[in-house]
Amino acid sequence: MGESSGERARAEAPEVGVVLDTIYGRARVMDVLRLGDEPETVYLRPERGGREWTVSTAQLPSVLRRA
């Protein structure tokens, strides 16, 4: 009765241009890369400068600040 990887609910990618409140500070979504069956990759740019970074949609909830 367990879920297979194909049956698992996928996290939805945020829209390009949205600003997210992450554990590293506020970051704007610059792009979302979709490749086949893999989770999407979200490209983020810090609002106040710094290194751009990426995170998969599967890991995105772990870097978002909780309200």
N, C-alpha and C. Protein backbone atom coordinates (compact mmCIF):
# COMPACT_ATOMS: atom_id res chain seq x y z
N MET A 1 0.80 -1.19 0.00
CA MET A 1 0.00 0.00 0.00
C MET A 1 0.85 1.26 0.00
N GLY A 2 2.20 1.13 0.00
CA GLY A 2 3.07 2.31 -0.02
C GLY A 2 3.00 3.02 -1.36
N GLU A 3 3.44 4.25 -1.37
CA GLU A 3 3.41 5.03 -2.60
C GLU A 3 4.69 4.79 -3.38
N SER A 4 4.57 4.65 -4.68
CA SER A 4 5.77 4.58 -5.51
C SER A 4 6.17 6.01 -5.83
N SER A 5 7.38 6.19 -6.37
CA SER A 5 7.85 7.55 -6.68
C SER A 5 6.94 8.22 -7.69
N GLY A 6 6.32 7.47 -8.57
CA GLY A 6 5.42 8.05 -9.55
C GLY A 6 4.10 8.50 -8.96
N GLU A 7 3.72 7.91 -7.81
CA GLU A 7 2.45 8.26 -7.18
C GLU A 7 2.57 9.38 -6.16
N ARG A 8 3.81 9.68 -5.76
CA ARG A 8 4.03 10.71 -4.75
C ARG A 8 3.58 12.07 -5.26
N ALA A 9 2.99 12.86 -4.39
CA ALA A 9 2.59 14.22 -4.77
C ALA A 9 3.85 15.06 -4.94
N ARG A 10 3.90 15.80 -6.04
CA ARG A 10 5.05 16.65 -6.30
C ARG A 10 4.80 18.04 -5.74
N ALA A 11 5.87 18.64 -5.21
CA ALA A 11 5.78 20.02 -4.77
C ALA A 11 5.69 20.89 -6.02
N GLU A 12 4.87 21.91 -5.96
CA GLU A 12 4.72 22.78 -7.12
C GLU A 12 5.81 23.84 -7.11
N ALA A 13 6.33 24.15 -8.27
CA ALA A 13 7.35 25.18 -8.41
C ALA A 13 6.69 26.55 -8.30
N PRO A 14 7.35 27.50 -7.64
CA PRO A 14 6.81 28.85 -7.57
C PRO A 14 6.91 29.53 -8.94
N GLU A 15 6.14 30.59 -9.12
CA GLU A 15 6.18 31.34 -10.38
C GLU A 15 7.45 32.16 -10.46
N VAL A 16 7.98 32.32 -11.67
CA VAL A 16 9.14 33.17 -11.89
C VAL A 16 8.77 34.60 -11.51
N GLY A 17 9.66 35.27 -10.79
CA GLY A 17 9.44 36.64 -10.36
C GLY A 17 8.96 36.78 -8.93
N VAL A 18 8.49 35.69 -8.34
CA VAL A 18 8.00 35.72 -6.97
C VAL A 18 9.19 35.85 -6.01
N VAL A 19 9.00 36.61 -4.94
CA VAL A 19 10.03 36.72 -3.90
C VAL A 19 9.65 35.78 -2.76
N LEU A 20 10.60 34.92 -2.38
CA LEU A 20 10.38 33.94 -1.31
C LEU A 20 11.18 34.34 -0.07
N ASP A 21 10.64 34.09 1.09
CA ASP A 21 11.33 34.33 2.35
C ASP A 21 11.99 33.01 2.75
N THR A 22 13.30 32.92 2.55
CA THR A 22 14.03 31.68 2.82
C THR A 22 14.83 31.81 4.10
N ILE A 23 15.38 30.70 4.55
CA ILE A 23 16.23 30.72 5.74
C ILE A 23 17.53 31.49 5.49
N TYR A 24 17.82 31.80 4.22
CA TYR A 24 19.02 32.57 3.86
C TYR A 24 18.69 34.02 3.54
N GLY A 25 17.45 34.43 3.72
CA GLY A 25 17.01 35.78 3.39
C GLY A 25 16.02 35.74 2.23
N ARG A 26 15.55 36.93 1.85
CA ARG A 26 14.57 37.00 0.76
C ARG A 26 15.28 36.79 -0.57
N ALA A 27 14.65 35.98 -1.45
CA ALA A 27 15.24 35.66 -2.75
C ALA A 27 14.15 35.64 -3.81
N ARG A 28 14.50 36.14 -5.00
CA ARG A 28 13.57 36.17 -6.12
C ARG A 28 13.78 34.94 -6.99
N VAL A 29 12.67 34.33 -7.43
CA VAL A 29 12.73 33.18 -8.34
C VAL A 29 13.06 33.72 -9.73
N MET A 30 14.20 33.32 -10.27
CA MET A 30 14.65 33.81 -11.57
C MET A 30 14.27 32.87 -12.70
N ASP A 31 14.19 31.57 -12.41
CA ASP A 31 13.88 30.59 -13.45
C ASP A 31 13.49 29.28 -12.79
N VAL A 32 12.79 28.47 -13.54
CA VAL A 32 12.44 27.11 -13.10
C VAL A 32 12.77 26.18 -14.25
N LEU A 33 13.65 25.22 -14.01
CA LEU A 33 14.09 24.28 -15.04
C LEU A 33 13.37 22.96 -14.84
N ARG A 34 12.74 22.48 -15.91
CA ARG A 34 12.02 21.21 -15.86
C ARG A 34 12.68 20.22 -16.82
N LEU A 35 13.14 19.09 -16.29
CA LEU A 35 13.78 18.06 -17.11
C LEU A 35 13.14 16.71 -16.83
N GLY A 36 12.37 16.24 -17.76
CA GLY A 36 11.77 14.91 -17.67
C GLY A 36 11.00 14.66 -16.39
N ASP A 37 11.28 13.51 -15.75
CA ASP A 37 10.56 13.09 -14.55
C ASP A 37 11.19 13.63 -13.26
N GLU A 38 12.32 14.32 -13.37
CA GLU A 38 12.99 14.84 -12.18
C GLU A 38 12.22 16.02 -11.61
N PRO A 39 12.36 16.26 -10.29
CA PRO A 39 11.73 17.46 -9.72
C PRO A 39 12.32 18.70 -10.38
N GLU A 40 11.52 19.75 -10.49
CA GLU A 40 11.99 20.99 -11.09
C GLU A 40 13.12 21.58 -10.25
N THR A 41 14.01 22.35 -10.89
CA THR A 41 15.06 23.08 -10.20
C THR A 41 14.69 24.55 -10.22
N VAL A 42 14.69 25.18 -9.05
CA VAL A 42 14.34 26.58 -8.90
C VAL A 42 15.63 27.38 -8.75
N TYR A 43 15.80 28.41 -9.60
CA TYR A 43 16.96 29.29 -9.54
C TYR A 43 16.58 30.54 -8.77
N LEU A 44 17.34 30.85 -7.72
CA LEU A 44 17.03 31.96 -6.83
C LEU A 44 18.15 32.99 -6.81
N ARG A 45 17.78 34.28 -6.70
CA ARG A 45 18.75 35.37 -6.58
C ARG A 45 18.40 36.17 -5.32
N PRO A 46 19.36 36.32 -4.41
CA PRO A 46 19.10 37.10 -3.21
C PRO A 46 18.68 38.53 -3.55
N GLU A 47 17.73 39.06 -2.80
CA GLU A 47 17.24 40.42 -3.04
C GLU A 47 18.32 41.47 -2.83
N ARG A 48 19.16 41.28 -1.86
CA ARG A 48 20.17 42.29 -1.53
C ARG A 48 21.57 41.90 -1.98
N GLY A 49 21.65 41.12 -3.03
CA GLY A 49 22.96 40.73 -3.55
C GLY A 49 23.48 39.47 -2.86
N GLY A 50 24.49 38.90 -3.45
CA GLY A 50 25.06 37.66 -2.93
C GLY A 50 25.02 36.60 -4.01
N ARG A 51 25.31 35.39 -3.63
CA ARG A 51 25.36 34.29 -4.59
C ARG A 51 23.98 33.80 -4.98
N GLU A 52 23.81 33.60 -6.27
CA GLU A 52 22.60 32.94 -6.74
C GLU A 52 22.71 31.47 -6.37
N TRP A 53 21.57 30.83 -6.17
CA TRP A 53 21.59 29.43 -5.78
C TRP A 53 20.39 28.70 -6.34
N THR A 54 20.45 27.38 -6.28
CA THR A 54 19.37 26.56 -6.80
C THR A 54 18.91 25.59 -5.73
N VAL A 55 17.67 25.16 -5.90
CA VAL A 55 17.11 24.15 -5.00
C VAL A 55 16.05 23.39 -5.80
N SER A 56 15.93 22.11 -5.56
CA SER A 56 14.88 21.34 -6.24
C SER A 56 13.55 21.61 -5.54
N THR A 57 12.47 21.45 -6.26
CA THR A 57 11.16 21.66 -5.64
C THR A 57 10.93 20.66 -4.51
N ALA A 58 11.58 19.51 -4.58
CA ALA A 58 11.44 18.52 -3.50
C ALA A 58 12.05 19.04 -2.20
N GLN A 59 13.11 19.85 -2.28
CA GLN A 59 13.78 20.39 -1.11
C GLN A 59 13.36 21.81 -0.75
N LEU A 60 12.59 22.46 -1.62
CA LEU A 60 12.21 23.85 -1.40
C LEU A 60 11.51 24.08 -0.05
N PRO A 61 10.57 23.23 0.37
CA PRO A 61 9.93 23.48 1.67
C PRO A 61 10.91 23.54 2.85
N SER A 62 12.04 22.86 2.75
CA SER A 62 13.00 22.85 3.86
C SER A 62 13.80 24.15 3.96
N VAL A 63 13.79 25.00 2.92
CA VAL A 63 14.52 26.27 2.98
C VAL A 63 13.61 27.47 3.10
N LEU A 64 12.30 27.25 3.07
CA LEU A 64 11.37 28.37 3.23
C LEU A 64 11.13 28.65 4.71
N ARG A 65 11.07 29.93 5.05
CA ARG A 65 10.77 30.32 6.43
C ARG A 65 9.32 30.02 6.74
N ARG A 66 9.06 29.55 7.92
CA ARG A 66 7.69 29.28 8.37
C ARG A 66 7.11 30.55 8.96
N ALA A 67 5.87 30.83 8.65
CA ALA A 67 5.21 32.04 9.18
C ALA A 67 4.80 31.86 10.62
